[in-house]
N, C-alpha and C. Protein backbone atom coordinates (compact mmCIF):
# COMPACT_ATOMS: atom_id res chain seq x y z
N MET A 1 -12.40 -1.61 18.42
CA MET A 1 -12.14 -1.49 17.06
C MET A 1 -10.88 -2.10 16.63
N LYS A 2 -10.85 -2.97 15.61
CA LYS A 2 -9.71 -3.49 15.04
C LYS A 2 -9.17 -2.70 13.89
N LYS A 3 -7.87 -2.04 14.01
CA LYS A 3 -7.23 -1.29 13.00
C LYS A 3 -6.25 -2.22 12.21
N VAL A 4 -6.35 -1.87 10.94
CA VAL A 4 -5.48 -2.49 9.93
C VAL A 4 -4.68 -1.42 9.23
N LEU A 5 -3.46 -1.73 8.93
CA LEU A 5 -2.55 -0.90 8.17
C LEU A 5 -1.88 -1.64 6.95
N THR A 6 -1.80 -0.77 5.86
CA THR A 6 -0.95 -1.40 4.81
C THR A 6 -0.22 -0.14 4.18
N TYR A 7 0.81 -0.46 3.35
CA TYR A 7 1.73 0.48 2.74
C TYR A 7 1.79 0.30 1.32
N GLY A 8 1.98 1.22 0.57
CA GLY A 8 2.27 1.17 -0.83
C GLY A 8 2.42 2.44 -1.53
N THR A 9 2.61 2.36 -2.86
CA THR A 9 2.76 3.59 -3.71
C THR A 9 1.29 3.82 -4.33
N PHE A 10 0.63 2.86 -4.58
CA PHE A 10 -0.78 3.02 -5.32
C PHE A 10 -0.79 3.91 -6.51
N ASP A 11 0.08 3.69 -7.24
CA ASP A 11 -0.01 4.40 -8.51
C ASP A 11 -0.54 3.70 -9.68
N LEU A 12 -1.22 4.36 -10.56
CA LEU A 12 -1.95 3.58 -11.64
C LEU A 12 -2.93 2.54 -10.98
N LEU A 13 -3.76 2.98 -10.18
CA LEU A 13 -4.71 2.13 -9.52
C LEU A 13 -5.28 1.10 -10.39
N HIS A 14 -5.53 -0.07 -9.95
CA HIS A 14 -6.00 -1.09 -10.78
C HIS A 14 -6.76 -2.15 -9.84
N TRP A 15 -7.38 -3.14 -10.38
CA TRP A 15 -8.23 -4.13 -9.62
C TRP A 15 -7.45 -4.82 -8.62
N GLY A 16 -6.23 -5.13 -8.81
CA GLY A 16 -5.35 -5.67 -7.87
C GLY A 16 -5.22 -4.93 -6.50
N HIS A 17 -5.13 -3.65 -6.76
CA HIS A 17 -5.05 -2.64 -5.64
C HIS A 17 -6.39 -2.80 -4.85
N ILE A 18 -7.45 -2.83 -5.57
CA ILE A 18 -8.86 -2.74 -4.92
C ILE A 18 -8.97 -4.15 -4.22
N ASN A 19 -8.59 -5.16 -4.77
CA ASN A 19 -8.67 -6.50 -4.16
C ASN A 19 -7.95 -6.52 -2.77
N LEU A 20 -6.55 -5.96 -2.92
CA LEU A 20 -5.88 -5.89 -1.60
C LEU A 20 -6.56 -5.06 -0.60
N LEU A 21 -7.05 -3.86 -0.97
CA LEU A 21 -7.85 -3.08 0.00
C LEU A 21 -8.84 -3.67 0.56
N LYS A 22 -9.72 -4.22 -0.23
CA LYS A 22 -10.86 -5.00 0.28
C LYS A 22 -10.59 -6.02 1.21
N ARG A 23 -9.64 -6.89 0.76
CA ARG A 23 -9.18 -7.88 1.66
C ARG A 23 -8.45 -7.48 2.97
N ALA A 24 -7.79 -6.35 2.94
CA ALA A 24 -7.26 -5.77 4.14
C ALA A 24 -8.20 -5.32 5.01
N LYS A 25 -9.29 -4.62 4.45
CA LYS A 25 -10.41 -4.02 5.27
C LYS A 25 -11.16 -5.25 5.89
N ASP A 26 -11.36 -6.37 5.25
CA ASP A 26 -12.02 -7.44 5.80
C ASP A 26 -11.40 -8.08 6.91
N LEU A 27 -10.14 -7.68 7.22
CA LEU A 27 -9.36 -8.20 8.51
C LEU A 27 -9.66 -7.48 9.71
N GLY A 28 -10.39 -6.31 9.50
CA GLY A 28 -10.60 -5.45 10.72
C GLY A 28 -11.83 -4.53 10.42
N ASP A 29 -11.74 -3.39 11.23
CA ASP A 29 -12.87 -2.45 11.17
C ASP A 29 -12.44 -1.10 10.61
N TYR A 30 -11.17 -0.82 10.62
CA TYR A 30 -10.72 0.46 10.32
C TYR A 30 -9.43 0.29 9.54
N LEU A 31 -9.38 0.68 8.09
CA LEU A 31 -8.17 0.46 7.29
C LEU A 31 -7.32 1.86 7.09
N ILE A 32 -6.22 1.78 7.58
CA ILE A 32 -5.32 3.05 7.26
C ILE A 32 -4.30 2.59 6.11
N VAL A 33 -4.15 3.29 5.20
CA VAL A 33 -3.36 3.12 4.03
C VAL A 33 -2.26 4.28 4.11
N ALA A 34 -0.92 3.75 4.15
CA ALA A 34 0.13 4.68 4.14
C ALA A 34 0.74 4.55 2.70
N ILE A 35 0.94 5.81 2.08
CA ILE A 35 1.37 5.86 0.72
C ILE A 35 2.64 6.67 0.53
N SER A 36 3.46 6.08 -0.25
CA SER A 36 4.84 6.78 -0.33
C SER A 36 4.73 8.18 -0.87
N THR A 37 5.47 9.18 -0.32
CA THR A 37 5.44 10.38 -0.72
C THR A 37 6.41 10.48 -2.01
N ASP A 38 6.28 11.54 -2.78
CA ASP A 38 7.06 11.61 -3.94
C ASP A 38 8.58 11.75 -3.64
N GLU A 39 8.83 12.30 -2.49
CA GLU A 39 10.25 12.33 -2.03
C GLU A 39 10.90 10.95 -1.67
N PHE A 40 9.98 10.29 -0.93
CA PHE A 40 10.35 8.92 -0.67
C PHE A 40 10.50 7.91 -1.79
N ASN A 41 9.58 8.13 -2.82
CA ASN A 41 9.78 7.48 -4.04
C ASN A 41 10.98 7.69 -4.73
N LYS A 42 11.50 8.87 -4.70
CA LYS A 42 12.71 9.32 -5.47
C LYS A 42 13.98 8.59 -4.71
N LEU A 43 13.87 8.54 -3.36
CA LEU A 43 14.92 7.83 -2.38
C LEU A 43 15.00 6.28 -2.87
N LYS A 44 13.79 5.70 -3.24
CA LYS A 44 13.66 4.39 -3.72
C LYS A 44 13.95 4.16 -5.17
N ASN A 45 14.23 5.19 -5.78
CA ASN A 45 14.46 5.16 -7.31
C ASN A 45 13.15 4.79 -8.12
N LYS A 46 11.99 5.25 -7.58
CA LYS A 46 10.73 4.92 -8.13
C LYS A 46 10.21 6.28 -8.63
N GLU A 47 9.49 6.16 -9.68
CA GLU A 47 8.72 7.47 -10.07
C GLU A 47 7.22 7.08 -10.35
N SER A 48 6.36 7.74 -9.76
CA SER A 48 4.93 7.72 -9.86
C SER A 48 4.44 8.44 -10.91
N TYR A 49 3.48 8.03 -11.61
CA TYR A 49 2.80 8.89 -12.68
C TYR A 49 1.99 10.04 -12.01
N HIS A 50 1.24 9.56 -10.85
CA HIS A 50 0.49 10.44 -10.09
C HIS A 50 1.24 11.08 -8.91
N SER A 51 0.91 12.24 -8.63
CA SER A 51 1.51 12.89 -7.51
C SER A 51 1.11 12.33 -6.20
N PHE A 52 1.81 12.52 -5.00
CA PHE A 52 1.21 12.08 -3.82
C PHE A 52 -0.13 12.57 -3.42
N GLU A 53 -0.36 13.93 -3.73
CA GLU A 53 -1.69 14.48 -3.38
C GLU A 53 -2.82 13.72 -4.19
N ASN A 54 -2.63 13.48 -5.50
CA ASN A 54 -3.58 12.86 -6.36
C ASN A 54 -3.81 11.43 -5.91
N ARG A 55 -2.71 10.67 -5.54
CA ARG A 55 -2.82 9.41 -5.05
C ARG A 55 -3.68 9.34 -3.75
N LYS A 56 -3.42 10.27 -2.98
CA LYS A 56 -4.07 10.36 -1.69
C LYS A 56 -5.60 10.57 -1.91
N MET A 57 -5.76 11.52 -2.79
CA MET A 57 -7.26 11.74 -3.07
C MET A 57 -8.01 10.56 -3.64
N ILE A 58 -7.26 9.85 -4.57
CA ILE A 58 -7.87 8.71 -5.04
C ILE A 58 -8.31 7.58 -4.15
N LEU A 59 -7.19 7.42 -3.08
CA LEU A 59 -7.50 6.34 -2.07
C LEU A 59 -8.57 6.71 -1.17
N GLU A 60 -8.59 8.01 -0.86
CA GLU A 60 -9.57 8.42 0.16
C GLU A 60 -11.02 8.41 -0.38
N ALA A 61 -11.08 8.21 -1.80
CA ALA A 61 -12.45 8.03 -2.33
C ALA A 61 -12.93 6.59 -2.36
N ILE A 62 -12.05 5.66 -1.92
CA ILE A 62 -12.30 4.23 -2.02
C ILE A 62 -13.07 3.82 -0.66
N ARG A 63 -14.14 3.27 -0.85
CA ARG A 63 -14.94 2.84 0.27
C ARG A 63 -14.20 1.97 1.40
N TYR A 64 -13.33 1.16 1.05
CA TYR A 64 -12.60 0.44 2.10
C TYR A 64 -11.65 1.12 2.81
N VAL A 65 -11.24 2.30 2.36
CA VAL A 65 -10.16 3.10 2.98
C VAL A 65 -10.71 3.99 4.02
N ASP A 66 -10.33 4.05 5.21
CA ASP A 66 -10.80 5.01 6.30
C ASP A 66 -9.81 6.14 6.41
N GLU A 67 -8.58 5.94 6.17
CA GLU A 67 -7.55 6.91 6.41
C GLU A 67 -6.34 6.81 5.68
N VAL A 68 -5.78 7.87 5.27
CA VAL A 68 -4.66 7.85 4.35
C VAL A 68 -3.63 8.67 4.99
N ILE A 69 -2.36 8.05 5.28
CA ILE A 69 -1.14 8.85 5.70
C ILE A 69 -0.01 8.79 4.83
N ALA A 70 0.96 9.49 5.10
CA ALA A 70 2.31 9.63 4.36
C ALA A 70 3.15 8.56 4.83
N GLU A 71 3.84 7.84 3.80
CA GLU A 71 5.05 7.17 4.20
C GLU A 71 6.24 7.88 3.74
N GLU A 72 7.04 8.24 4.64
CA GLU A 72 8.24 9.16 4.41
C GLU A 72 9.77 8.40 4.40
N THR A 73 9.63 7.34 5.24
CA THR A 73 10.83 6.59 5.43
C THR A 73 10.62 5.13 5.59
N TRP A 74 11.48 4.24 5.43
CA TRP A 74 11.38 2.83 5.49
C TRP A 74 11.12 2.55 7.17
N GLU A 75 11.75 3.31 7.93
CA GLU A 75 11.83 3.12 9.43
C GLU A 75 10.54 3.36 10.14
N GLN A 76 9.66 4.07 9.61
CA GLN A 76 8.57 4.59 10.21
C GLN A 76 7.35 3.56 10.64
N LYS A 77 7.48 2.37 10.17
CA LYS A 77 6.46 1.30 10.37
C LYS A 77 6.35 1.11 11.92
N VAL A 78 7.24 0.94 12.67
CA VAL A 78 6.97 0.57 14.10
C VAL A 78 6.35 1.73 14.80
N GLU A 79 6.95 3.04 14.33
CA GLU A 79 6.16 3.93 15.01
C GLU A 79 4.80 4.26 14.70
N ASP A 80 4.35 4.04 13.38
CA ASP A 80 3.19 4.12 12.88
C ASP A 80 2.25 3.11 13.58
N VAL A 81 2.58 1.95 13.73
CA VAL A 81 1.84 0.85 14.29
C VAL A 81 1.51 1.13 15.73
N GLN A 82 2.47 1.61 16.51
CA GLN A 82 2.28 2.04 17.92
C GLN A 82 1.51 3.34 18.04
N ARG A 83 1.74 4.29 17.23
CA ARG A 83 1.02 5.66 17.34
C ARG A 83 -0.36 5.57 16.93
N LEU A 84 -0.72 4.58 15.94
CA LEU A 84 -1.93 4.62 15.50
C LEU A 84 -2.84 3.45 16.25
N GLY A 85 -2.21 2.56 17.05
CA GLY A 85 -2.88 1.46 17.60
C GLY A 85 -3.26 0.39 16.61
N VAL A 86 -2.37 0.06 15.86
CA VAL A 86 -2.65 -0.91 14.72
C VAL A 86 -2.65 -2.31 15.36
N ASP A 87 -3.62 -3.13 14.89
CA ASP A 87 -3.76 -4.48 15.30
C ASP A 87 -3.22 -5.43 14.35
N VAL A 88 -3.45 -5.00 12.92
CA VAL A 88 -2.98 -5.97 11.96
C VAL A 88 -2.21 -5.21 10.88
N PHE A 89 -1.02 -5.66 10.49
CA PHE A 89 -0.28 -5.02 9.43
C PHE A 89 -0.37 -5.92 8.31
N VAL A 90 -0.68 -5.30 6.96
CA VAL A 90 -0.98 -6.13 5.82
C VAL A 90 -0.09 -5.78 4.70
N MET A 91 0.46 -6.60 4.05
CA MET A 91 1.24 -6.49 2.65
C MET A 91 0.97 -7.60 1.72
N GLY A 92 1.29 -7.31 0.58
CA GLY A 92 1.20 -8.39 -0.43
C GLY A 92 2.29 -9.37 -0.23
N ASP A 93 2.05 -10.55 -0.69
CA ASP A 93 3.01 -11.66 -0.41
C ASP A 93 4.27 -11.60 -1.14
N ASP A 94 4.36 -10.62 -2.11
CA ASP A 94 5.77 -10.29 -2.63
C ASP A 94 6.67 -9.81 -1.72
N TRP A 95 6.27 -9.43 -0.48
CA TRP A 95 7.09 -8.90 0.60
C TRP A 95 7.02 -10.02 1.68
N LEU A 96 6.71 -11.06 1.47
CA LEU A 96 6.79 -12.27 2.38
C LEU A 96 8.02 -12.26 3.15
N GLY A 97 7.87 -12.28 4.69
CA GLY A 97 9.01 -12.20 5.51
C GLY A 97 9.61 -11.04 5.82
N LYS A 98 9.50 -9.92 4.99
CA LYS A 98 10.01 -8.78 5.31
C LYS A 98 9.81 -7.85 6.30
N PHE A 99 8.46 -8.09 6.83
CA PHE A 99 8.09 -7.23 7.90
C PHE A 99 7.58 -8.13 9.16
N ASP A 100 8.20 -9.28 9.33
CA ASP A 100 8.01 -10.18 10.48
C ASP A 100 8.34 -9.47 11.62
N PHE A 101 9.36 -8.56 11.63
CA PHE A 101 9.85 -7.84 12.87
C PHE A 101 8.74 -7.12 13.52
N LEU A 102 7.65 -6.88 12.80
CA LEU A 102 6.45 -6.18 13.41
C LEU A 102 5.58 -7.16 14.25
N ASN A 103 5.87 -8.41 14.26
CA ASN A 103 5.03 -9.44 15.04
C ASN A 103 5.09 -9.05 16.47
N GLU A 104 6.20 -8.40 16.87
CA GLU A 104 6.30 -7.88 18.26
C GLU A 104 5.27 -6.99 18.64
N HIS A 105 4.68 -6.28 17.69
CA HIS A 105 3.77 -5.07 17.94
C HIS A 105 2.37 -5.40 17.35
N CYS A 106 2.13 -6.29 16.60
CA CYS A 106 0.93 -6.50 15.80
C CYS A 106 0.89 -7.76 15.14
N GLU A 107 -0.22 -8.18 14.65
CA GLU A 107 -0.19 -9.30 13.69
C GLU A 107 0.10 -8.94 12.25
N VAL A 108 0.91 -9.74 11.75
CA VAL A 108 1.47 -9.46 10.36
C VAL A 108 0.85 -10.48 9.36
N VAL A 109 0.16 -9.97 8.33
CA VAL A 109 -0.53 -10.73 7.34
C VAL A 109 -0.04 -10.47 5.96
N TYR A 110 0.46 -11.59 5.23
CA TYR A 110 0.90 -11.23 3.78
C TYR A 110 -0.38 -11.90 2.95
N LEU A 111 -0.95 -10.90 2.07
CA LEU A 111 -2.02 -11.46 1.19
C LEU A 111 -1.52 -11.66 -0.24
N THR A 112 -1.94 -12.67 -0.84
CA THR A 112 -1.61 -13.15 -2.19
C THR A 112 -1.92 -12.09 -3.10
N ARG A 113 -1.13 -11.79 -4.09
CA ARG A 113 -1.40 -10.84 -5.18
C ARG A 113 -2.46 -11.35 -6.05
N THR A 114 -3.09 -10.45 -6.80
CA THR A 114 -4.12 -10.68 -7.81
C THR A 114 -3.36 -10.95 -9.06
N GLU A 115 -3.61 -12.21 -9.52
CA GLU A 115 -3.11 -12.66 -10.79
C GLU A 115 -3.42 -11.91 -11.95
N GLY A 116 -2.25 -11.71 -12.80
CA GLY A 116 -2.55 -10.93 -14.13
C GLY A 116 -2.55 -9.62 -14.30
N ILE A 117 -2.24 -8.95 -13.05
CA ILE A 117 -2.28 -7.45 -13.00
C ILE A 117 -1.16 -6.99 -12.13
N SER A 118 -0.51 -5.91 -12.43
CA SER A 118 0.51 -5.08 -11.59
C SER A 118 0.81 -3.77 -12.19
N THR A 119 1.14 -2.92 -11.46
CA THR A 119 1.47 -1.62 -12.11
C THR A 119 2.75 -1.72 -13.00
N SER A 120 3.57 -2.57 -12.74
CA SER A 120 4.76 -2.79 -13.69
C SER A 120 4.27 -3.30 -14.87
N LYS A 121 3.28 -4.18 -14.81
CA LYS A 121 2.72 -4.81 -16.10
C LYS A 121 2.02 -3.67 -16.98
N ILE A 122 1.34 -2.94 -16.35
CA ILE A 122 0.54 -1.89 -16.97
C ILE A 122 1.70 -0.86 -17.65
N LYS A 123 2.58 -0.47 -16.88
CA LYS A 123 3.71 0.35 -17.35
C LYS A 123 4.46 -0.33 -18.65
N ASP A 124 4.73 -1.64 -18.36
CA ASP A 124 5.46 -2.18 -19.62
C ASP A 124 4.52 -2.40 -20.81
N GLU A 125 3.38 -2.71 -20.75
CA GLU A 125 2.39 -2.72 -21.84
C GLU A 125 2.15 -1.38 -22.52
N LEU A 126 2.02 -0.29 -21.77
CA LEU A 126 1.96 1.15 -22.24
C LEU A 126 3.28 1.36 -23.07
N TYR A 127 4.41 1.20 -22.50
CA TYR A 127 5.64 1.42 -23.11
C TYR A 127 5.65 0.76 -24.45
N LEU A 128 5.39 -0.49 -24.46
CA LEU A 128 5.42 -1.31 -25.88
C LEU A 128 4.34 -0.85 -26.68
N ALA A 129 3.21 -0.41 -26.28
CA ALA A 129 2.21 0.14 -27.23
C ALA A 129 2.67 1.45 -27.77
N ASN A 130 3.53 2.33 -27.01
CA ASN A 130 3.85 3.60 -27.58
C ASN A 130 5.12 3.42 -28.36
N LYS A 131 5.81 2.30 -28.26
CA LYS A 131 6.87 2.04 -28.93
C LYS A 131 6.63 1.72 -30.46
N ASN A 132 5.53 0.99 -30.57
CA ASN A 132 5.11 0.57 -31.87
C ASN A 132 4.45 1.65 -32.73
């Protein structure tokens, strides 16, 4: 069985996230999604609308996702790849080159982002709509 792993916050889920998850799943048989905990997001100066538990529940309901784990530190990726027996590590191409160090442990794939949508764009548009 070929295992695929990706990481993200996955807040304000949108079709770009679904495209990424589908394309990641297409690279193997079993997709593991690591989502940032609320505590880790605070360390990154990020704030999610949905709590970790709610984001986890949403992701577990998506047919492409086989398992959801917590991302608690930047450094855990090598350990996760080894512990989970991951064959392919997947990230969006906005992270291009940042995870090449994982090539020692598995294949690293950067997928192109879905045009016209992002969580930042949604937040900006909601902010502007509420400002008017």
